[in-house]
PDB file of N, CA and C in Angstrom:
ATOM      1  N   UNK A   1     -89.325  11.536-160.180  1.00  0.00           N
ATOM      2  CA  UNK A   1     -90.494  10.728-160.125  1.00  0.00           C
ATOM      3  C   UNK A   1     -90.261   9.617-161.042  1.00  0.00           C
ATOM      4  N   UNK A   2     -90.849   8.447-160.602  1.00  0.00           N
ATOM      5  CA  UNK A   2     -90.692   7.172-161.441  1.00  0.00           C
ATOM      6  C   UNK A   2     -91.552   7.246-162.709  1.00  0.00           C
ATOM      7  N   UNK A   3     -90.958   6.770-163.827  1.00  0.00           N
ATOM      8  CA  UNK A   3     -91.616   6.778-165.042  1.00  0.00           C
ATOM      9  C   UNK A   3     -92.373   5.284-165.133  1.00  0.00           C
ATOM     10  N   UNK A   4     -93.601   5.363-165.617  1.00  0.00           N
ATOM     11  CA  UNK A   4     -94.365   4.250-165.829  1.00  0.00           C
ATOM     12  C   UNK A   4     -94.180   3.894-167.333  1.00  0.00           C
ATOM     13  N   UNK A   5     -94.279   2.688-167.706  1.00  0.00           N
ATOM     14  CA  UNK A   5     -94.102   2.281-169.168  1.00  0.00           C
ATOM     15  C   UNK A   5     -95.372   2.759-169.793  1.00  0.00           C
ATOM     16  N   UNK A   6     -95.169   3.471-170.952  1.00  0.00           N
ATOM     17  CA  UNK A   6     -96.270   4.024-171.766  1.00  0.00           C
ATOM     18  C   UNK A   6     -96.304   3.535-173.203  1.00  0.00           C
ATOM     19  N   UNK A   7     -95.027   3.422-173.713  1.00  0.00           N
ATOM     20  CA  UNK A   7     -94.897   3.039-175.026  1.00  0.00           C
ATOM     21  C   UNK A   7     -93.965   1.691-175.218  1.00  0.00           C
ATOM     22  N   UNK A   8     -94.345   1.075-176.120  1.00  0.00           N
ATOM     23  CA  UNK A   8     -93.390  -0.134-176.453  1.00  0.00           C
ATOM     24  C   UNK A   8     -92.903  -0.185-177.822  1.00  0.00           C
ATOM     25  N   UNK A   9     -91.836  -0.784-178.165  1.00  0.00           N
ATOM     26  CA  UNK A   9     -91.101  -0.957-179.265  1.00  0.00           C
ATOM     27  C   UNK A   9     -91.055  -2.340-179.508  1.00  0.00           C
ATOM     28  N   UNK A  10     -91.436  -2.810-180.693  1.00  0.00           N
ATOM     29  CA  UNK A  10     -91.324  -4.297-181.016  1.00  0.00           C
ATOM     30  C   UNK A  10     -90.365  -4.381-182.218  1.00  0.00           C
ATOM     31  N   UNK A  11     -89.514  -5.345-182.069  1.00  0.00           N
ATOM     32  CA  UNK A  11     -88.555  -5.621-183.334  1.00  0.00           C
ATOM     33  C   UNK A  11     -88.457  -7.141-183.423  1.00  0.00           C
ATOM     34  N   UNK A  12     -88.543  -7.533-184.647  1.00  0.00           N
ATOM     35  CA  UNK A  12     -88.505  -9.069-185.042  1.00  0.00           C
ATOM     36  C   UNK A  12     -87.308  -9.110-186.037  1.00  0.00           C
ATOM     37  N   UNK A  13     -86.327  -9.914-185.612  1.00  0.00           N
ATOM     38  CA  UNK A  13     -85.077 -10.203-186.415  1.00  0.00           C
ATOM     39  C   UNK A  13     -84.453  -8.977-186.776  1.00  0.00           C
ATOM     40  N   UNK A  14     -84.354  -7.910-186.041  1.00  0.00           N
ATOM     41  CA  UNK A  14     -83.744  -6.687-186.261  1.00  0.00           C
ATOM     42  C   UNK A  14     -84.479  -5.585-187.016  1.00  0.00           C
ATOM     43  N   UNK A  15     -85.717  -5.970-187.450  1.00  0.00           N
ATOM     44  CA  UNK A  15     -86.735  -4.894-187.991  1.00  0.00           C
ATOM     45  C   UNK A  15     -87.682  -4.309-187.111  1.00  0.00           C
ATOM     46  N   UNK A  16     -87.659  -3.128-186.789  1.00  0.00           N
ATOM     47  CA  UNK A  16     -88.519  -2.456-185.867  1.00  0.00           C
ATOM     48  C   UNK A  16     -89.961  -2.465-186.602  1.00  0.00           C
ATOM     49  N   UNK A  17     -90.925  -2.857-185.921  1.00  0.00           N
ATOM     50  CA  UNK A  17     -92.477  -2.793-186.312  1.00  0.00           C
ATOM     51  C   UNK A  17     -92.915  -1.428-185.906  1.00  0.00           C
ATOM     52  N   UNK A  18     -93.674  -0.923-186.681  1.00  0.00           N
ATOM     53  CA  UNK A  18     -94.380   0.466-186.287  1.00  0.00           C
ATOM     54  C   UNK A  18     -95.606   0.031-185.467  1.00  0.00           C
ATOM     55  N   UNK A  19     -95.482  -0.338-184.321  1.00  0.00           N
ATOM     56  CA  UNK A  19     -96.399  -0.869-183.509  1.00  0.00           C
ATOM     57  C   UNK A  19     -97.211   0.325-182.873  1.00  0.00           C
ATOM     58  N   UNK A  20     -98.616   0.031-182.851  1.00  0.00           N
ATOM     59  CA  UNK A  20     -99.624   1.050-182.467  1.00  0.00           C
ATOM     60  C   UNK A  20     -99.779   0.806-180.779  1.00  0.00           C
ATOM     61  N   UNK A  21    -100.339   1.912-180.178  1.00  0.00           N
ATOM     62  CA  UNK A  21    -100.803   1.779-178.720  1.00  0.00           C
ATOM     63  C   UNK A  21    -101.583   0.471-178.314  1.00  0.00           C
ATOM     64  N   UNK A  22    -101.198  -0.168-177.321  1.00  0.00           N
ATOM     65  CA  UNK A  22    -102.020  -1.258-176.932  1.00  0.00           C
ATOM     66  C   UNK A  22    -101.282  -2.606-176.992  1.00  0.00           C
ATOM     67  N   UNK A  23    -100.154  -2.546-177.509  1.00  0.00           N
ATOM     68  CA  UNK A  23     -99.447  -3.975-177.576  1.00  0.00           C
ATOM     69  C   UNK A  23     -99.257  -4.571-176.171  1.00  0.00           C
ATOM     70  N   UNK A  24     -99.333  -5.993-176.127  1.00  0.00           N
ATOM     71  CA  UNK A  24     -99.214  -6.679-174.896  1.00  0.00           C
ATOM     72  C   UNK A  24     -98.276  -7.781-174.905  1.00  0.00           C
ATOM     73  N   UNK A  25     -97.675  -7.994-173.805  1.00  0.00           N
ATOM     74  CA  UNK A  25     -96.817  -9.238-173.555  1.00  0.00           C
ATOM     75  C   UNK A  25     -97.257 -10.050-172.546  1.00  0.00           C
ATOM     76  N   UNK A  26     -97.271 -11.398-172.762  1.00  0.00           N
ATOM     77  CA  UNK A  26     -97.437 -12.362-171.682  1.00  0.00           C
ATOM     78  C   UNK A  26     -96.182 -13.074-171.664  1.00  0.00           C
ATOM     79  N   UNK A  27     -95.548 -13.036-170.511  1.00  0.00           N
ATOM     80  CA  UNK A  27     -94.077 -13.701-170.315  1.00  0.00           C
ATOM     81  C   UNK A  27     -94.159 -15.236-170.488  1.00  0.00           C
ATOM     82  N   UNK A  28     -95.275 -15.746-170.210  1.00  0.00           N
ATOM     83  CA  UNK A  28     -95.309 -17.264-170.218  1.00  0.00           C
ATOM     84  C   UNK A  28     -94.790 -17.772-168.761  1.00  0.00           C
ATOM     85  N   UNK A  29     -94.892 -18.945-168.675  1.00  0.00           N
ATOM     86  CA  UNK A  29     -94.372 -19.578-167.259  1.00  0.00           C
ATOM     87  C   UNK A  29     -95.619 -20.494-166.696  1.00  0.00           C
ATOM     88  N   UNK A  30     -95.731 -20.452-165.511  1.00  0.00           N
ATOM     89  CA  UNK A  30     -96.713 -21.389-164.761  1.00  0.00           C
ATOM     90  C   UNK A  30     -98.005 -20.593-164.545  1.00  0.00           C
ATOM     91  N   UNK A  31     -98.997 -21.205-165.041  1.00  0.00           N
ATOM     92  CA  UNK A  31    -100.420 -20.655-164.799  1.00  0.00           C
ATOM     93  C   UNK A  31    -100.948 -21.601-163.746  1.00  0.00           C
ATOM     94  N   UNK A  32    -101.697 -21.105-162.760  1.00  0.00           N
ATOM     95  CA  UNK A  32    -102.302 -21.963-161.703  1.00  0.00           C
ATOM     96  C   UNK A  32    -103.769 -21.680-161.827  1.00  0.00           C
ATOM     97  N   UNK A  33    -104.768 -22.988-161.724  1.00  0.00           N
ATOM     98  CA  UNK A  33    -105.930 -22.865-161.797  1.00  0.00           C
ATOM     99  C   UNK A  33    -106.581 -23.515-160.757  1.00  0.00           C
ATOM    100  N   UNK A  34    -107.678 -22.944-160.023  1.00  0.00           N
ATOM    101  CA  UNK A  34    -108.210 -23.447-158.811  1.00  0.00           C
ATOM    102  C   UNK A  34    -108.949 -24.767-159.133  1.00  0.00           C
ATOM    103  N   UNK A  35    -108.869 -25.691-158.152  1.00  0.00           N
ATOM    104  CA  UNK A  35    -109.618 -27.048-158.237  1.00  0.00           C
ATOM    105  C   UNK A  35    -110.683 -26.936-157.320  1.00  0.00           C
ATOM    106  N   UNK A  36    -111.923 -27.061-157.894  1.00  0.00           N
ATOM    107  CA  UNK A  36    -113.134 -26.908-156.982  1.00  0.00           C
ATOM    108  C   UNK A  36    -113.784 -28.071-156.924  1.00  0.00           C
ATOM    109  N   UNK A  37    -114.375 -28.474-155.517  1.00  0.00           N
ATOM    110  CA  UNK A  37    -115.181 -29.585-155.421  1.00  0.00           C
ATOM    111  C   UNK A  37    -116.386 -29.135-154.726  1.00  0.00           C
ATOM    112  N   UNK A  38    -117.311 -30.052-154.402  1.00  0.00           N
ATOM    113  CA  UNK A  38    -118.414 -29.541-153.642  1.00  0.00           C
ATOM    114  C   UNK A  38    -118.266 -29.093-152.247  1.00  0.00           C
ATOM    115  N   UNK A  39    -117.052 -29.276-151.691  1.00  0.00           N
ATOM    116  CA  UNK A  39    -116.545 -28.826-150.365  1.00  0.00           C
ATOM    117  C   UNK A  39    -115.900 -27.585-150.489  1.00  0.00           C
ATOM    118  N   UNK A  40    -115.729 -26.886-151.761  1.00  0.00           N
ATOM    119  CA  UNK A  40    -114.956 -25.761-151.787  1.00  0.00           C
ATOM    120  C   UNK A  40    -113.855 -25.749-152.672  1.00  0.00           C
ATOM    121  N   UNK A  41    -112.700 -24.907-152.449  1.00  0.00           N
ATOM    122  CA  UNK A  41    -111.386 -24.954-153.101  1.00  0.00           C
ATOM    123  C   UNK A  41    -110.602 -26.023-152.575  1.00  0.00           C
ATOM    124  N   UNK A  42    -110.131 -26.943-153.410  1.00  0.00           N
ATOM    125  CA  UNK A  42    -109.265 -28.075-152.857  1.00  0.00           C
ATOM    126  C   UNK A  42    -107.946 -27.682-153.135  1.00  0.00           C
ATOM    127  N   UNK A  43    -107.546 -26.764-153.835  1.00  0.00           N
ATOM    128  CA  UNK A  43    -106.209 -26.326-154.224  1.00  0.00           C
ATOM    129  C   UNK A  43    -106.038 -25.802-155.507  1.00  0.00           C
ATOM    130  N   UNK A  44    -104.808 -26.071-156.124  1.00  0.00           N
ATOM    131  CA  UNK A  44    -104.904 -25.588-157.510  1.00  0.00           C
ATOM    132  C   UNK A  44    -103.926 -26.607-158.353  1.00  0.00           C
ATOM    133  N   UNK A  45    -103.981 -26.474-159.778  1.00  0.00           N
ATOM    134  CA  UNK A  45    -103.367 -27.356-160.598  1.00  0.00           C
ATOM    135  C   UNK A  45    -102.477 -26.238-161.553  1.00  0.00           C
ATOM    136  N   UNK A  46    -101.203 -26.692-161.905  1.00  0.00           N
ATOM    137  CA  UNK A  46    -100.380 -26.097-162.633  1.00  0.00           C
ATOM    138  C   UNK A  46    -100.272 -26.397-164.007  1.00  0.00           C
ATOM    139  N   UNK A  47    -100.136 -25.558-164.982  1.00  0.00           N
ATOM    140  CA  UNK A  47     -99.742 -25.802-166.364  1.00  0.00           C
ATOM    141  C   UNK A  47     -98.831 -24.802-166.820  1.00  0.00           C
ATOM    142  N   UNK A  48     -98.055 -25.221-167.835  1.00  0.00           N
ATOM    143  CA  UNK A  48     -96.869 -24.272-168.388  1.00  0.00           C
ATOM    144  C   UNK A  48     -97.681 -23.529-169.598  1.00  0.00           C
ATOM    145  N   UNK A  49     -97.295 -22.163-169.611  1.00  0.00           N
ATOM    146  CA  UNK A  49     -97.840 -21.449-170.857  1.00  0.00           C
ATOM    147  C   UNK A  49     -96.659 -20.706-171.551  1.00  0.00           C
ATOM    148  N   UNK A  50     -96.863 -20.592-172.863  1.00  0.00           N
ATOM    149  CA  UNK A  50     -95.814 -19.969-173.757  1.00  0.00           C
ATOM    150  C   UNK A  50     -95.882 -18.503-173.718  1.00  0.00           C
ATOM    151  N   UNK A  51     -94.804 -17.848-173.897  1.00  0.00           N
ATOM    152  CA  UNK A  51     -94.787 -16.512-173.967  1.00  0.00           C
ATOM    153  C   UNK A  51     -95.609 -15.955-175.310  1.00  0.00           C
ATOM    154  N   UNK A  52     -96.118 -14.760-175.148  1.00  0.00           N
ATOM    155  CA  UNK A  52     -97.007 -14.292-176.454  1.00  0.00           C
ATOM    156  C   UNK A  52     -96.997 -12.671-176.545  1.00  0.00           C
ATOM    157  N   UNK A  53     -96.996 -12.249-177.743  1.00  0.00           N
ATOM    158  CA  UNK A  53     -97.079 -10.774-177.945  1.00  0.00           C
ATOM    159  C   UNK A  53     -98.124 -10.527-178.901  1.00  0.00           C
ATOM    160  N   UNK A  54     -99.033  -9.650-178.492  1.00  0.00           N
ATOM    161  CA  UNK A  54    -100.098  -9.196-179.454  1.00  0.00           C
ATOM    162  C   UNK A  54     -99.862  -7.712-179.704  1.00  0.00           C
ATOM    163  N   UNK A  55     -99.966  -7.379-180.977  1.00  0.00           N
ATOM    164  CA  UNK A  55     -99.793  -5.977-181.293  1.00  0.00           C
ATOM    165  C   UNK A  55    -100.453  -5.656-182.597  1.00  0.00           C
ATOM    166  N   UNK A  56    -100.719  -4.376-182.926  1.00  0.00           N
ATOM    167  CA  UNK A  56    -101.222  -3.888-184.266  1.00  0.00           C
ATOM    168  C   UNK A  56    -100.045  -3.045-184.776  1.00  0.00           C
ATOM    169  N   UNK A  57    -100.099  -3.108-186.106  1.00  0.00           N
ATOM    170  CA  UNK A  57     -99.150  -2.157-186.884  1.00  0.00           C
ATOM    171  C   UNK A  57     -99.872  -1.422-187.963  1.00  0.00           C
ATOM    172  N   UNK A  58     -99.204  -0.369-188.360  1.00  0.00           N
ATOM    173  CA  UNK A  58    -100.078   0.412-189.519  1.00  0.00           C
ATOM    174  C   UNK A  58     -99.557  -0.328-190.777  1.00  0.00           C
ATOM    175  N   UNK A  59    -100.468  -0.470-191.681  1.00  0.00           N
ATOM    176  CA  UNK A  59    -100.093  -1.070-192.921  1.00  0.00           C
ATOM    177  C   UNK A  59     -99.495   0.021-193.833  1.00  0.00           C
ATOM    178  N   UNK A  60     -98.234  -0.024-194.166  1.00  0.00           N
ATOM    179  CA  UNK A  60     -97.468   0.887-194.978  1.00  0.00           C
ATOM    180  C   UNK A  60     -97.013   0.063-196.237  1.00  0.00           C
ATOM    181  N   UNK A  61     -96.436   0.886-197.217  1.00  0.00           N
ATOM    182  CA  UNK A  61     -96.025   0.317-198.381  1.00  0.00           C
ATOM    183  C   UNK A  61     -94.827  -0.698-198.312  1.00  0.00           C
ATOM    184  N   UNK A  62     -93.983  -0.486-197.147  1.00  0.00           N
ATOM    185  CA  UNK A  62     -92.901  -1.586-196.918  1.00  0.00           C
ATOM    186  C   UNK A  62     -93.395  -2.973-196.177  1.00  0.00           C
ATOM    187  N   UNK A  63     -94.505  -2.853-195.741  1.00  0.00           N
ATOM    188  CA  UNK A  63     -95.118  -3.902-195.075  1.00  0.00           C
ATOM    189  C   UNK A  63     -95.480  -5.092-195.927  1.00  0.00           C
ATOM    190  N   UNK A  64     -95.053  -6.304-195.806  1.00  0.00           N
ATOM    191  CA  UNK A  64     -95.474  -7.404-196.611  1.00  0.00           C
ATOM    192  C   UNK A  64     -96.103  -8.536-195.659  1.00  0.00           C
ATOM    193  N   UNK A  65     -97.379  -8.703-195.821  1.00  0.00           N
ATOM    194  CA  UNK A  65     -98.046  -9.576-194.853  1.00  0.00           C
ATOM    195  C   UNK A  65     -97.646 -11.085-194.994  1.00  0.00           C
ATOM    196  N   UNK A  66     -97.237 -11.404-196.183  1.00  0.00           N
ATOM    197  CA  UNK A  66     -96.699 -12.761-196.230  1.00  0.00           C
ATOM    198  C   UNK A  66     -95.279 -12.880-195.462  1.00  0.00           C
ATOM    199  N   UNK A  67     -94.528 -11.926-195.659  1.00  0.00           N
ATOM    200  CA  UNK A  67     -93.179 -11.955-194.834  1.00  0.00           C
ATOM    201  C   UNK A  67     -93.437 -11.956-193.330  1.00  0.00           C
ATOM    202  N   UNK A  68     -94.554 -11.297-192.963  1.00  0.00           N
ATOM    203  CA  UNK A  68     -94.950 -11.342-191.344  1.00  0.00           C
ATOM    204  C   UNK A  68     -95.250 -12.816-191.023  1.00  0.00           C
ATOM    205  N   UNK A  69     -96.102 -13.299-191.903  1.00  0.00           N
ATOM    206  CA  UNK A  69     -96.683 -14.752-191.499  1.00  0.00           C
ATOM    207  C   UNK A  69     -95.548 -15.761-191.668  1.00  0.00           C
ATOM    208  N   UNK A  70     -94.622 -15.601-192.599  1.00  0.00           N
ATOM    209  CA  UNK A  70     -93.560 -16.541-192.496  1.00  0.00           C
ATOM    210  C   UNK A  70     -92.436 -16.498-191.353  1.00  0.00           C
ATOM    211  N   UNK A  71     -92.645 -15.520-190.591  1.00  0.00           N
ATOM    212  CA  UNK A  71     -91.638 -15.356-189.462  1.00  0.00           C
ATOM    213  C   UNK A  71     -91.748 -16.427-188.653  1.00  0.00           C
ATOM    214  N   UNK A  72     -90.578 -17.103-188.294  1.00  0.00           N
ATOM    215  CA  UNK A  72     -90.552 -18.408-187.405  1.00  0.00           C
ATOM    216  C   UNK A  72     -88.992 -18.448-186.956  1.00  0.00           C
ATOM    217  N   UNK A  73     -88.984 -19.039-185.767  1.00  0.00           N
ATOM    218  CA  UNK A  73     -87.549 -19.461-185.290  1.00  0.00           C
ATOM    219  C   UNK A  73     -86.642 -18.044-185.341  1.00  0.00           C
ATOM    220  N   UNK A  74     -87.226 -17.052-184.935  1.00  0.00           N
ATOM    221  CA  UNK A  74     -86.547 -15.703-184.815  1.00  0.00           C
ATOM    222  C   UNK A  74     -86.510 -15.159-183.479  1.00  0.00           C
ATOM    223  N   UNK A  75     -86.043 -13.982-183.517  1.00  0.00           N
ATOM    224  CA  UNK A  75     -85.918 -13.268-181.967  1.00  0.00           C
ATOM    225  C   UNK A  75     -86.848 -11.893-182.188  1.00  0.00           C
ATOM    226  N   UNK A  76     -87.676 -11.857-181.039  1.00  0.00           N
ATOM    227  CA  UNK A  76     -88.649 -10.786-181.074  1.00  0.00           C
ATOM    228  C   UNK A  76     -88.187 -10.047-179.683  1.00  0.00           C
ATOM    229  N   UNK A  77     -87.899  -8.753-179.855  1.00  0.00           N
ATOM    230  CA  UNK A  77     -87.626  -7.928-178.643  1.00  0.00           C
ATOM    231  C   UNK A  77     -88.859  -7.049-178.286  1.00  0.00           C
ATOM    232  N   UNK A  78     -89.344  -6.845-177.156  1.00  0.00           N
ATOM    233  CA  UNK A  78     -90.219  -6.174-176.763  1.00  0.00           C
ATOM    234  C   UNK A  78     -89.692  -5.153-175.705  1.00  0.00           C
ATOM    235  N   UNK A  79     -89.516  -3.880-176.041  1.00  0.00           N
ATOM    236  CA  UNK A  79     -88.808  -2.819-175.443  1.00  0.00           C
ATOM    237  C   UNK A  79     -89.903  -1.787-174.793  1.00  0.00           C
ATOM    238  N   UNK A  80     -89.695  -1.285-173.554  1.00  0.00           N
ATOM    239  CA  UNK A  80     -90.556  -0.327-173.099  1.00  0.00           C
ATOM    240  C   UNK A  80     -89.788   0.934-173.115  1.00  0.00           C
ATOM    241  N   UNK A  81     -90.569   2.120-173.089  1.00  0.00           N
ATOM    242  CA  UNK A  81     -89.835   3.397-172.884  1.00  0.00           C
ATOM    243  C   UNK A  81     -89.229   3.737-171.601  1.00  0.00           C
ATOM    244  N   UNK A  82     -89.379   2.726-170.748  1.00  0.00           N
ATOM    245  CA  UNK A  82     -88.625   2.900-169.483  1.00  0.00           C
ATOM    246  C   UNK A  82     -87.422   2.161-169.377  1.00  0.00           C
ATOM    247  N   UNK A  83     -86.915   1.450-170.607  1.00  0.00           N
ATOM    248  CA  UNK A  83     -85.726   0.831-170.758  1.00  0.00           C
ATOM    249  C   UNK A  83     -85.888  -0.832-170.382  1.00  0.00           C
ATOM    250  N   UNK A  84     -86.969  -1.223-169.939  1.00  0.00           N
ATOM    251  CA  UNK A  84     -87.093  -2.650-169.892  1.00  0.00           C
ATOM    252  C   UNK A  84     -87.153  -3.374-171.264  1.00  0.00           C
ATOM    253  N   UNK A  85     -86.333  -4.581-171.210  1.00  0.00           N
ATOM    254  CA  UNK A  85     -86.085  -5.155-172.441  1.00  0.00           C
ATOM    255  C   UNK A  85     -86.724  -6.678-172.304  1.00  0.00           C
ATOM    256  N   UNK A  86     -87.621  -7.183-173.085  1.00  0.00           N
ATOM    257  CA  UNK A  86     -88.003  -8.547-172.993  1.00  0.00           C
ATOM    258  C   UNK A  86     -87.576  -9.304-174.139  1.00  0.00           C
ATOM    259  N   UNK A  87     -86.724 -10.230-174.313  1.00  0.00           N
ATOM    260  CA  UNK A  87     -86.279 -10.888-175.506  1.00  0.00           C
ATOM    261  C   UNK A  87     -86.933 -12.374-175.573  1.00  0.00           C
ATOM    262  N   UNK A  88     -87.851 -12.488-176.644  1.00  0.00           N
ATOM    263  CA  UNK A  88     -88.495 -13.934-176.922  1.00  0.00           C
ATOM    264  C   UNK A  88     -87.709 -14.604-177.985  1.00  0.00           C
ATOM    265  N   UNK A  89     -87.343 -15.809-177.446  1.00  0.00           N
ATOM    266  CA  UNK A  89     -86.541 -16.621-178.369  1.00  0.00           C
ATOM    267  C   UNK A  89     -87.248 -17.616-179.137  1.00  0.00           C
ATOM    268  N   UNK A  90     -86.656 -18.135-180.117  1.00  0.00           N
ATOM    269  CA  UNK A  90     -87.447 -19.049-181.202  1.00  0.00           C
ATOM    270  C   UNK A  90     -88.791 -18.707-181.402  1.00  0.00           C
ATOM    271  N   UNK A  91     -88.970 -17.346-181.680  1.00  0.00           N
ATOM    272  CA  UNK A  91     -90.358 -16.794-181.749  1.00  0.00           C
ATOM    273  C   UNK A  91     -90.890 -17.140-183.150  1.00  0.00           C
ATOM    274  N   UNK A  92     -92.301 -16.979-183.257  1.00  0.00           N
ATOM    275  CA  UNK A  92     -92.914 -17.324-184.585  1.00  0.00           C
ATOM    276  C   UNK A  92     -94.134 -16.365-184.591  1.00  0.00           C
ATOM    277  N   UNK A  93     -94.639 -16.224-185.795  1.00  0.00           N
ATOM    278  CA  UNK A  93     -96.003 -15.496-186.154  1.00  0.00           C
ATOM    279  C   UNK A  93     -97.027 -16.666-185.713  1.00  0.00           C
ATOM    280  N   UNK A  94     -97.955 -16.574-184.854  1.00  0.00           N
ATOM    281  CA  UNK A  94     -98.699 -17.643-184.380  1.00  0.00           C
ATOM    282  C   UNK A  94    -100.081 -17.678-185.208  1.00  0.00           C
ATOM    283  N   UNK A  95    -100.379 -16.596-185.741  1.00  0.00           N
ATOM    284  CA  UNK A  95    -101.773 -16.443-186.582  1.00  0.00           C
ATOM    285  C   UNK A  95    -101.506 -15.759-187.720  1.00  0.00           C
ATOM    286  N   UNK A  96    -102.392 -16.068-188.859  1.00  0.00           N
ATOM    287  CA  UNK A  96    -102.085 -15.326-190.063  1.00  0.00           C
ATOM    288  C   UNK A  96    -102.437 -13.744-189.729  1.00  0.00           C
ATOM    289  N   UNK A  97    -101.690 -12.748-190.257  1.00  0.00           N
ATOM    290  CA  UNK A  97    -101.904 -11.434-190.072  1.00  0.00           C
ATOM    291  C   UNK A  97    -103.389 -11.114-190.472  1.00  0.00           C
ATOM    292  N   UNK A  98    -104.045 -10.240-189.692  1.00  0.00           N
ATOM    293  CA  UNK A  98    -105.493  -9.819-189.883  1.00  0.00           C
ATOM    294  C   UNK A  98    -105.382  -8.229-190.312  1.00  0.00           C
ATOM    295  N   UNK A  99    -105.811  -8.012-191.563  1.00  0.00           N
ATOM    296  CA  UNK A  99    -105.824  -6.579-191.931  1.00  0.00           C
ATOM    297  C   UNK A  99    -107.200  -5.831-191.842  1.00  0.00           C
ATOM    298  N   UNK A 100    -107.370  -4.933-191.100  1.00  0.00           N
ATOM    299  CA  UNK A 100    -108.680  -4.262-191.064  1.00  0.00           C
ATOM    300  C   UNK A 100    -108.502  -2.668-190.794  1.00  0.00           C
ATOM    301  N   UNK A 101    -108.963  -1.992-191.750  1.00  0.00           N
ATOM    302  CA  UNK A 101    -108.909  -0.390-191.754  1.00  0.00           C
ATOM    303  C   UNK A 101    -107.639   0.037-191.681  1.00  0.00           C
ATOM    304  N   UNK A 102    -106.658  -0.344-192.450  1.00  0.00           N
ATOM    305  CA  UNK A 102    -105.259   0.162-192.461  1.00  0.00           C
ATOM    306  C   UNK A 102    -104.389  -0.416-191.280  1.00  0.00           C
ATOM    307  N   UNK A 103    -104.922  -1.279-190.589  1.00  0.00           N
ATOM    308  CA  UNK A 103    -104.044  -1.866-189.331  1.00  0.00           C
ATOM    309  C   UNK A 103    -103.981  -3.352-189.481  1.00  0.00           C
ATOM    310  N   UNK A 104    -102.825  -3.854-189.164  1.00  0.00           N
ATOM    311  CA  UNK A 104    -102.582  -5.388-189.127  1.00  0.00           C
ATOM    312  C   UNK A 104    -102.401  -5.747-187.706  1.00  0.00           C
ATOM    313  N   UNK A 105    -103.373  -6.837-187.511  1.00  0.00           N
ATOM    314  CA  UNK A 105    -103.274  -7.270-186.184  1.00  0.00           C
ATOM    315  C   UNK A 105    -102.338  -8.596-186.215  1.00  0.00           C
ATOM    316  N   UNK A 106    -101.257  -8.656-185.193  1.00  0.00           N
ATOM    317  CA  UNK A 106    -100.302  -9.839-185.209  1.00  0.00           C
ATOM    318  C   UNK A 106    -100.423 -10.425-183.764  1.00  0.00           C
ATOM    319  N   UNK A 107    -100.125 -11.657-183.899  1.00  0.00           N
ATOM    320  CA  UNK A 107     -99.870 -12.574-182.664  1.00  0.00           C
ATOM    321  C   UNK A 107     -98.599 -13.340-182.800  1.00  0.00           C
ATOM    322  N   UNK A 108     -97.707 -13.053-181.916  1.00  0.00           N
ATOM    323  CA  UNK A 108     -96.512 -13.819-181.871  1.00  0.00           C
ATOM    324  C   UNK A 108     -96.349 -14.833-180.713  1.00  0.00           C
ATOM    325  N   UNK A 109     -95.672 -16.042-180.877  1.00  0.00           N
ATOM    326  CA  UNK A 109     -95.499 -16.987-179.723  1.00  0.00           C
ATOM    327  C   UNK A 109     -94.041 -17.161-179.700  1.00  0.00           C
ATOM    328  N   UNK A 110     -93.442 -17.769-178.599  1.00  0.00           N
ATOM    329  CA  UNK A 110     -91.977 -18.134-178.301  1.00  0.00           C
ATOM    330  C   UNK A 110     -91.992 -19.165-177.465  1.00  0.00           C
ATOM    331  N   UNK A 111     -90.687 -19.714-177.456  1.00  0.00           N
ATOM    332  CA  UNK A 111     -90.413 -20.793-176.468  1.00  0.00           C
ATOM    333  C   UNK A 111     -90.044 -20.296-175.045  1.00  0.00           C
ATOM    334  N   UNK A 112     -89.384 -18.935-175.121  1.00  0.00           N
ATOM    335  CA  UNK A 112     -88.708 -18.371-173.699  1.00  0.00           C
ATOM    336  C   UNK A 112     -88.991 -16.886-173.894  1.00  0.00           C
ATOM    337  N   UNK A 113     -89.197 -16.185-172.612  1.00  0.00           N
ATOM    338  CA  UNK A 113     -89.130 -14.828-172.576  1.00  0.00           C
ATOM    339  C   UNK A 113     -88.020 -14.465-171.510  1.00  0.00           C
ATOM    340  N   UNK A 114     -86.934 -13.902-172.060  1.00  0.00           N
ATOM    341  CA  UNK A 114     -85.968 -13.374-171.091  1.00  0.00           C
ATOM    342  C   UNK A 114     -85.961 -11.917-170.658  1.00  0.00           C
ATOM    343  N   UNK A 115     -85.946 -11.635-169.375  1.00  0.00           N
ATOM    344  CA  UNK A 115     -86.080 -10.210-168.947  1.00  0.00           C
ATOM    345  C   UNK A 115     -84.678  -9.565-168.703  1.00  0.00           C
ATOM    346  N   UNK A 116     -84.354  -8.451-169.199  1.00  0.00           N
ATOM    347  CA  UNK A 116     -83.158  -7.842-168.832  1.00  0.00           C
ATOM    348  C   UNK A 116     -82.461  -7.244-170.042  1.00  0.00           C
TER     349      UNK A 116
END
């Protein structure tokens, strides 16, 4: 039977993060938005979007929030338990880490997402 991705593993510059359930990946690329007039849908417009990863990690003694926030021009690997690997190049921490109840919320951006 085919396995469906259930767990993901996130690594930044060779350091695996202790990511919690619910991490997400947006691969980036073309986003299409409907163009609507009083006659209905006229078609669509395209715009480019950047790759993005959202995740939460547990705050442990070895985690330094300022190091996470300083992450830029690095490599981020988003790997699923089915063996699919997505490599985000020239990646950066997009927002300051948010600490809440022992969890750190992180958002990363990148210039490109390579699958394989």
